[in-house]
N, C-alpha and C. Protein backbone atom coordinates (compact mmCIF):
# COMPACT_ATOMS: atom_id res chain seq x y z
N UNK A 1 -11.01 -12.56 -36.37
CA UNK A 1 -12.05 -13.32 -35.81
C UNK A 1 -12.33 -11.72 -34.87
N UNK A 2 -13.12 -11.71 -34.07
CA UNK A 2 -13.53 -10.90 -33.40
C UNK A 2 -13.44 -10.90 -32.18
N UNK A 3 -12.50 -10.26 -31.27
CA UNK A 3 -12.45 -10.43 -29.78
C UNK A 3 -13.27 -9.88 -29.21
N UNK A 4 -14.23 -10.84 -27.83
CA UNK A 4 -15.00 -9.60 -26.73
C UNK A 4 -14.35 -9.47 -26.05
N UNK A 5 -15.12 -8.21 -25.42
CA UNK A 5 -14.55 -7.12 -24.31
C UNK A 5 -14.00 -7.92 -23.05
N UNK A 6 -14.91 -9.16 -23.03
CA UNK A 6 -14.36 -9.83 -21.92
C UNK A 6 -13.49 -11.01 -21.91
N UNK A 7 -13.09 -11.55 -23.16
CA UNK A 7 -11.68 -12.10 -23.44
C UNK A 7 -10.27 -10.70 -23.30
N UNK A 8 -10.58 -9.48 -24.36
CA UNK A 8 -9.58 -8.65 -23.78
C UNK A 8 -9.27 -8.03 -22.71
N UNK A 9 -10.37 -8.21 -22.15
CA UNK A 9 -10.02 -7.60 -20.17
C UNK A 9 -9.44 -8.90 -20.09
N UNK A 10 -9.72 -10.42 -20.33
CA UNK A 10 -8.55 -11.18 -19.52
C UNK A 10 -7.81 -11.39 -20.35
N UNK A 11 -7.02 -10.92 -21.47
CA UNK A 11 -5.68 -11.27 -21.82
C UNK A 11 -4.88 -9.97 -21.93
N UNK A 12 -5.32 -8.71 -21.12
CA UNK A 12 -5.04 -7.56 -20.52
C UNK A 12 -4.27 -7.93 -19.32
N UNK A 13 -4.99 -8.32 -18.66
CA UNK A 13 -5.19 -8.37 -17.19
C UNK A 13 -4.16 -9.23 -16.63
N UNK A 14 -4.12 -10.77 -18.22
CA UNK A 14 -2.69 -11.29 -17.69
C UNK A 14 -1.54 -10.72 -18.01
N UNK A 15 -1.51 -9.68 -19.12
CA UNK A 15 -0.64 -9.04 -19.41
C UNK A 15 0.24 -8.12 -18.57
N UNK A 16 -0.89 -7.12 -17.82
CA UNK A 16 -0.31 -5.95 -17.14
C UNK A 16 0.26 -7.08 -15.91
N UNK A 17 -0.37 -7.99 -15.36
CA UNK A 17 0.13 -8.49 -13.82
C UNK A 17 1.41 -9.69 -14.56
N UNK A 18 1.61 -9.86 -15.55
CA UNK A 18 3.15 -10.29 -16.00
C UNK A 18 3.72 -9.00 -15.90
N UNK A 19 3.79 -8.03 -16.75
CA UNK A 19 4.60 -6.56 -16.29
C UNK A 19 4.96 -6.34 -14.97
N UNK A 20 3.67 -6.42 -13.93
CA UNK A 20 4.23 -6.39 -12.46
C UNK A 20 4.81 -7.13 -11.94
N UNK A 21 4.83 -8.52 -12.09
CA UNK A 21 5.82 -9.86 -12.08
C UNK A 21 7.19 -9.20 -12.14
N UNK A 22 7.40 -8.98 -13.30
CA UNK A 22 8.71 -9.11 -13.80
C UNK A 22 9.38 -7.38 -13.44
N UNK A 23 8.45 -6.86 -12.73
CA UNK A 23 8.83 -5.64 -12.32
C UNK A 23 9.39 -5.71 -10.60
N UNK A 24 8.53 -6.55 -9.97
CA UNK A 24 8.96 -6.99 -8.63
C UNK A 24 10.23 -7.48 -8.84
N UNK A 25 10.57 -8.61 -9.57
CA UNK A 25 11.94 -9.22 -9.81
C UNK A 25 12.71 -8.39 -10.45
N UNK A 26 12.28 -7.19 -10.26
CA UNK A 26 13.40 -5.97 -11.31
C UNK A 26 14.15 -6.78 -12.65
N UNK A 27 13.62 -7.55 -13.11
CA UNK A 27 14.57 -8.46 -14.35
C UNK A 27 14.48 -7.69 -15.71
N UNK A 28 15.35 -6.77 -15.94
CA UNK A 28 15.49 -5.79 -16.89
C UNK A 28 15.76 -6.80 -18.41
N UNK A 29 16.29 -8.14 -18.24
CA UNK A 29 16.10 -8.39 -19.59
C UNK A 29 14.66 -9.02 -20.31
N UNK A 30 13.72 -9.60 -18.92
CA UNK A 30 12.54 -9.82 -18.57
C UNK A 30 11.74 -8.57 -19.45
N UNK A 31 11.74 -7.50 -18.90
CA UNK A 31 11.40 -6.10 -19.31
C UNK A 31 11.43 -5.65 -20.59
N UNK A 32 13.06 -5.92 -21.43
CA UNK A 32 13.19 -5.93 -22.35
C UNK A 32 12.48 -6.70 -23.47
N UNK A 33 11.89 -7.57 -23.56
CA UNK A 33 11.60 -8.83 -24.13
C UNK A 33 10.05 -8.28 -23.87
N UNK A 34 9.32 -7.97 -23.14
CA UNK A 34 8.23 -7.30 -23.39
C UNK A 34 7.77 -6.34 -23.48
N UNK A 35 8.64 -5.29 -23.24
CA UNK A 35 8.20 -3.54 -23.72
C UNK A 35 9.24 -3.24 -24.67
N UNK A 36 10.45 -3.75 -25.00
CA UNK A 36 11.50 -3.77 -25.42
C UNK A 36 10.87 -2.58 -26.97
N UNK A 37 9.83 -2.75 -27.81
CA UNK A 37 9.40 -2.56 -28.99
C UNK A 37 8.29 -1.76 -29.07
N UNK A 38 8.15 -0.98 -27.33
CA UNK A 38 6.50 -0.37 -27.24
C UNK A 38 7.43 1.12 -26.80
N UNK A 39 6.30 2.00 -26.68
CA UNK A 39 6.57 3.47 -26.32
C UNK A 39 6.29 3.16 -24.88
N UNK A 40 7.38 3.33 -23.58
CA UNK A 40 7.04 3.55 -22.24
C UNK A 40 7.07 4.97 -22.31
N UNK A 41 6.41 5.25 -21.07
CA UNK A 41 6.54 6.58 -20.36
C UNK A 41 6.43 6.53 -18.93
N UNK A 42 7.33 7.49 -18.10
CA UNK A 42 7.60 7.19 -16.60
C UNK A 42 7.21 8.92 -16.29
N UNK A 43 6.83 9.40 -15.26
CA UNK A 43 7.11 10.80 -15.29
C UNK A 43 8.77 11.24 -15.64
N UNK A 44 9.76 9.98 -14.91
CA UNK A 44 10.84 10.67 -15.00
C UNK A 44 11.83 10.46 -16.27
N UNK A 45 10.80 9.63 -17.30
CA UNK A 45 12.10 9.55 -18.50
C UNK A 45 11.05 8.53 -19.89
N UNK A 46 11.13 8.35 -20.71
CA UNK A 46 10.34 7.65 -21.68
C UNK A 46 11.75 6.33 -22.20
N UNK A 47 10.98 5.73 -23.22
CA UNK A 47 11.89 4.66 -24.10
C UNK A 47 10.71 4.28 -25.30
N UNK A 48 11.32 3.76 -26.45
CA UNK A 48 10.60 3.44 -27.59
C UNK A 48 11.62 2.30 -28.26
N UNK A 49 12.72 1.70 -27.49
CA UNK A 49 13.19 0.90 -28.36
C UNK A 49 14.06 -0.05 -27.48
N UNK A 50 14.16 -1.35 -27.59
CA UNK A 50 15.36 -2.06 -26.74
C UNK A 50 15.98 -1.44 -25.62
N UNK A 51 17.00 -0.54 -26.77
CA UNK A 51 18.30 0.17 -26.25
C UNK A 51 17.59 0.79 -24.71
N UNK A 52 16.60 1.76 -25.16
CA UNK A 52 16.01 2.62 -24.09
C UNK A 52 15.04 2.19 -23.11
N UNK A 53 14.86 0.90 -23.69
CA UNK A 53 14.11 -0.05 -22.50
C UNK A 53 14.97 -0.70 -21.50
N UNK A 54 16.12 -0.89 -21.77
CA UNK A 54 17.10 -1.60 -20.83
C UNK A 54 17.73 -0.46 -19.90
N UNK A 55 18.27 0.71 -20.64
CA UNK A 55 18.28 2.05 -19.96
C UNK A 55 17.58 2.15 -18.73
N UNK A 56 16.21 2.93 -19.38
CA UNK A 56 15.44 3.04 -18.49
C UNK A 56 14.76 2.27 -17.38
N UNK A 57 14.54 1.04 -17.41
CA UNK A 57 14.30 0.10 -16.65
C UNK A 57 15.52 -0.21 -15.19
N UNK A 58 17.02 -0.08 -15.77
CA UNK A 58 18.16 -0.55 -15.50
C UNK A 58 18.30 0.70 -13.86
N UNK A 59 17.88 2.17 -14.36
CA UNK A 59 17.76 3.18 -13.70
C UNK A 59 16.92 3.33 -12.93
N UNK A 60 15.70 2.78 -13.19
CA UNK A 60 14.16 2.50 -12.17
C UNK A 60 14.71 1.85 -11.32
N UNK A 61 15.19 0.68 -11.46
CA UNK A 61 15.20 -0.38 -10.33
C UNK A 61 16.59 -0.36 -9.91
N UNK A 62 17.13 0.41 -9.97
CA UNK A 62 18.62 0.44 -9.36
C UNK A 62 18.37 0.38 -7.59
N UNK A 63 17.41 0.69 -6.89
CA UNK A 63 17.52 0.71 -5.53
C UNK A 63 17.58 -0.73 -5.51
N UNK A 64 18.45 -0.72 -3.91
CA UNK A 64 18.83 -2.33 -3.51
C UNK A 64 17.61 -2.86 -3.06
N UNK A 65 16.63 -2.41 -2.03
CA UNK A 65 15.46 -2.53 -1.67
C UNK A 65 14.41 -3.03 -2.50
N UNK A 66 13.87 -4.41 -2.30
CA UNK A 66 12.72 -4.87 -3.17
C UNK A 66 11.32 -3.96 -2.96
N UNK A 67 10.23 -4.37 -3.88
CA UNK A 67 9.40 -3.53 -4.18
C UNK A 67 7.87 -4.64 -4.30
N UNK A 68 6.87 -4.34 -4.58
CA UNK A 68 5.67 -4.85 -4.66
C UNK A 68 4.99 -4.09 -5.46
N UNK A 69 4.17 -4.52 -6.44
CA UNK A 69 2.86 -3.70 -6.92
C UNK A 69 1.95 -4.37 -6.84
N UNK A 70 0.82 -4.08 -6.52
CA UNK A 70 -0.56 -4.51 -6.36
C UNK A 70 -1.48 -3.59 -7.22
N UNK A 71 -2.19 -3.80 -8.08
CA UNK A 71 -2.63 -3.85 -9.29
C UNK A 71 -4.60 -3.76 -9.07
N UNK A 72 -5.25 -2.88 -9.30
CA UNK A 72 -6.71 -2.66 -9.07
C UNK A 72 -7.48 -1.90 -10.30
N UNK A 73 -8.76 -1.89 -10.07
CA UNK A 73 -9.27 -1.12 -10.83
C UNK A 73 -9.40 -1.40 -12.35
N UNK A 74 -9.07 -2.28 -13.14
CA UNK A 74 -8.70 -2.18 -14.48
C UNK A 74 -9.94 -2.26 -15.17
N UNK A 75 -9.83 -1.34 -16.61
CA UNK A 75 -10.60 -0.74 -17.35
C UNK A 75 -9.87 -1.08 -18.56
N UNK A 76 -11.13 -1.54 -19.44
CA UNK A 76 -10.45 -2.10 -20.91
C UNK A 76 -11.84 -1.73 -21.65
N UNK A 77 -11.16 -1.03 -22.93
CA UNK A 77 -12.41 -0.07 -23.66
C UNK A 77 -11.67 -0.63 -25.17
N UNK A 78 -12.54 -0.52 -26.24
CA UNK A 78 -11.99 -0.71 -27.59
C UNK A 78 -11.25 0.39 -27.73
N UNK A 79 -10.05 0.18 -28.82
CA UNK A 79 -8.81 1.29 -29.30
C UNK A 79 -9.01 1.87 -29.98
N UNK A 80 -8.34 3.10 -30.57
CA UNK A 80 -8.78 4.27 -31.96
C UNK A 80 -8.39 3.39 -32.99
N UNK A 81 -8.06 2.23 -32.98
CA UNK A 81 -8.35 1.20 -34.49
C UNK A 81 -8.09 0.49 -34.08
N UNK A 82 -9.20 -0.16 -35.23
CA UNK A 82 -9.69 -1.93 -35.22
C UNK A 82 -8.06 -2.85 -34.62
N UNK A 83 -8.52 -4.04 -33.98
CA UNK A 83 -7.66 -5.05 -32.91
C UNK A 83 -6.93 -4.30 -31.98
N UNK A 84 -7.02 -2.90 -31.43
CA UNK A 84 -6.28 -2.12 -30.53
C UNK A 84 -7.52 -1.82 -29.35
N UNK A 85 -7.12 -2.07 -28.16
CA UNK A 85 -7.32 -2.08 -26.81
C UNK A 85 -6.89 -1.09 -25.72
N UNK A 86 -7.99 -0.19 -25.55
CA UNK A 86 -7.47 0.56 -24.25
C UNK A 86 -7.71 0.46 -22.78
N UNK A 87 -6.67 0.53 -21.63
CA UNK A 87 -6.55 0.11 -20.69
C UNK A 87 -6.65 1.03 -20.10
N UNK A 88 -6.81 1.04 -18.53
CA UNK A 88 -5.99 1.87 -17.19
C UNK A 88 -6.43 0.81 -16.06
N UNK A 89 -5.82 0.84 -15.26
CA UNK A 89 -5.10 0.40 -13.64
C UNK A 89 -4.94 1.11 -12.87
N UNK A 90 -5.28 1.33 -11.57
CA UNK A 90 -4.43 1.73 -10.28
C UNK A 90 -3.03 0.89 -10.12
N UNK A 91 -2.34 1.32 -9.40
CA UNK A 91 -0.86 0.63 -8.58
C UNK A 91 -0.69 0.87 -7.35
N UNK A 92 -0.28 0.08 -6.50
CA UNK A 92 0.13 0.48 -5.42
C UNK A 92 1.46 0.03 -5.37
N UNK A 93 2.54 0.56 -4.90
CA UNK A 93 3.77 0.09 -5.14
C UNK A 93 4.60 0.24 -3.33
N UNK A 94 4.46 -0.69 -3.10
CA UNK A 94 5.29 -1.23 -1.50
C UNK A 94 6.88 -1.30 -1.18
N UNK A 95 7.03 -0.67 -0.56
CA UNK A 95 8.84 -0.62 -1.01
C UNK A 95 8.87 -1.64 0.23
N UNK A 96 9.38 -2.82 0.10
CA UNK A 96 9.99 -4.10 1.00
C UNK A 96 11.23 -3.61 1.94
N UNK A 97 11.44 -3.10 2.81
CA UNK A 97 12.95 -3.01 3.82
C UNK A 97 12.17 -2.37 4.81
N UNK A 98 13.16 -2.41 5.99
CA UNK A 98 13.08 -2.11 7.26
C UNK A 98 12.22 -3.05 7.98
N UNK A 99 11.46 -2.59 8.70
CA UNK A 99 10.65 -3.37 9.85
C UNK A 99 9.48 -3.89 9.07
N UNK A 100 9.07 -2.96 7.89
CA UNK A 100 7.61 -3.67 7.62
C UNK A 100 7.66 -3.44 6.04
N UNK A 101 6.46 -3.59 5.07
CA UNK A 101 6.74 -2.90 4.06
C UNK A 101 6.20 -1.57 4.24
N UNK A 102 6.42 -0.65 3.22
CA UNK A 102 5.45 0.60 3.71
C UNK A 102 4.87 1.06 1.98
N UNK A 103 3.82 1.64 2.29
CA UNK A 103 3.47 2.05 0.66
C UNK A 103 4.33 3.34 -0.08
N UNK A 104 4.99 3.05 -1.03
CA UNK A 104 5.66 4.23 -1.58
C UNK A 104 4.96 4.89 -2.55
N UNK A 105 4.24 4.35 -3.84
CA UNK A 105 3.96 4.95 -4.51
C UNK A 105 2.09 4.66 -4.46
N UNK A 106 1.76 5.32 -5.03
CA UNK A 106 0.02 5.29 -5.52
C UNK A 106 -0.01 5.89 -7.58
N UNK A 107 -0.47 5.16 -8.19
CA UNK A 107 -0.63 5.28 -9.37
C UNK A 107 -1.55 5.15 -10.15
N UNK A 108 -0.89 5.52 -11.64
CA UNK A 108 -2.00 4.60 -12.85
C UNK A 108 -1.50 3.95 -13.96
N UNK A 109 -1.83 3.03 -14.77
CA UNK A 109 -1.18 2.78 -15.76
C UNK A 109 -2.04 2.72 -16.68
N UNK A 110 -1.76 3.53 -18.24
CA UNK A 110 -2.34 3.81 -19.06
C UNK A 110 -1.44 2.83 -20.24
N UNK A 111 -2.59 2.01 -21.14
CA UNK A 111 -2.24 0.94 -21.99
C UNK A 111 -2.88 0.92 -23.12
N UNK A 112 -2.25 0.42 -24.41
CA UNK A 112 -2.61 0.45 -25.65
C UNK A 112 -2.15 -0.70 -26.31
N UNK A 113 -2.93 -1.58 -26.41
CA UNK A 113 -2.46 -3.25 -26.28
C UNK A 113 -2.89 -3.37 -28.40
N UNK A 114 -1.98 -4.19 -28.33
CA UNK A 114 -2.21 -4.86 -29.85
C UNK A 114 -3.01 -5.88 -29.61
N UNK A 115 -4.14 -5.70 -30.07
CA UNK A 115 -5.37 -7.67 -29.80
C UNK A 115 -4.94 -8.69 -30.48
N UNK A 116 -3.77 -8.49 -31.38
CA UNK A 116 -3.89 -9.45 -32.42
C UNK A 116 -2.16 -10.38 -31.76
N UNK A 117 -1.72 -9.53 -31.11
CA UNK A 117 -0.66 -10.55 -30.47
C UNK A 117 -0.76 -10.47 -29.10
N UNK A 118 -1.35 -9.48 -28.21
CA UNK A 118 -1.65 -9.06 -26.88
C UNK A 118 0.00 -9.10 -26.56
N UNK A 119 0.22 -7.74 -27.26
CA UNK A 119 1.45 -6.75 -27.03
C UNK A 119 1.32 -5.09 -26.32
N UNK A 120 2.27 -4.90 -25.97
CA UNK A 120 1.77 -3.18 -25.76
C UNK A 120 2.43 -2.82 -26.65
N UNK A 121 1.44 -1.70 -27.04
CA UNK A 121 2.07 -0.33 -28.19
C UNK A 121 2.36 0.54 -27.36
N UNK A 122 1.83 0.54 -26.18
CA UNK A 122 2.04 1.97 -25.39
C UNK A 122 1.94 1.40 -23.39
N UNK A 123 2.86 2.17 -22.78
CA UNK A 123 2.57 2.09 -21.47
C UNK A 123 2.71 3.32 -20.87
N UNK A 124 2.06 3.85 -20.58
CA UNK A 124 2.50 5.16 -19.39
C UNK A 124 1.86 4.76 -17.85
N UNK A 125 3.18 5.02 -17.54
CA UNK A 125 3.18 4.86 -15.80
C UNK A 125 2.98 6.66 -15.28
N UNK A 126 1.82 6.87 -14.72
CA UNK A 126 1.65 8.33 -14.04
C UNK A 126 1.70 7.93 -11.90
N UNK A 127 2.43 8.92 -11.96
CA UNK A 127 2.69 8.46 -10.29
C UNK A 127 1.13 10.26 -9.23
N UNK A 128 0.49 9.27 -8.65
CA UNK A 128 -0.35 9.92 -8.55
C UNK A 128 0.01 10.54 -7.36
N UNK A 129 0.53 9.79 -6.18
CA UNK A 129 1.56 10.14 -4.97
C UNK A 129 2.29 9.20 -4.81
N UNK A 130 3.49 9.71 -4.40
CA UNK A 130 5.15 8.99 -4.09
C UNK A 130 5.16 9.83 -2.76
N UNK A 131 5.89 8.60 -1.62
CA UNK A 131 6.30 9.23 -0.44
C UNK A 131 7.20 10.36 -0.63
N UNK A 132 6.63 11.10 0.34
CA UNK A 132 7.27 12.50 0.13
C UNK A 132 6.83 13.21 -0.17
N UNK A 133 6.19 13.22 -1.10
CA UNK A 133 5.13 14.10 -1.70
C UNK A 133 4.20 14.87 -0.98
N UNK A 134 3.96 15.86 -1.08
CA UNK A 134 3.12 16.77 0.31
C UNK A 134 1.92 16.61 -0.36
N UNK A 135 1.47 16.67 -1.96
CA UNK A 135 0.11 16.99 -2.33
C UNK A 135 -0.37 15.28 -2.71
N UNK A 136 -1.19 15.33 -3.09
CA UNK A 136 -1.99 13.88 -3.51
C UNK A 136 -2.95 14.34 -5.12
């Protein structure tokens, strides 16, 4: 069965928002269930198996302050192989602490999605700007 671009965009938006909801809760078990068998790449580390994902996200989310991600500009295109989809989106990461939330990171997600079961094959997280950086 062929999937339309509109259906793929809907499914991938749900998948991406599921990921950021897990990230905002810092739920390591949930992220391992979602991304453990995917290739995940951050500027500081990467993983390709459940043990690596557990280590990666435990390190990334060890700070006690809460955070919230806002996602925008989702673009979805057919992937390199039949049944795959490429997507990208911008994100803003807010740190919750002190007197008011503050923008900490501006970045981009790149995703390769298996359209047969709507799972992540690849997630790359790029940080375009992080608080304390002198350039954008």
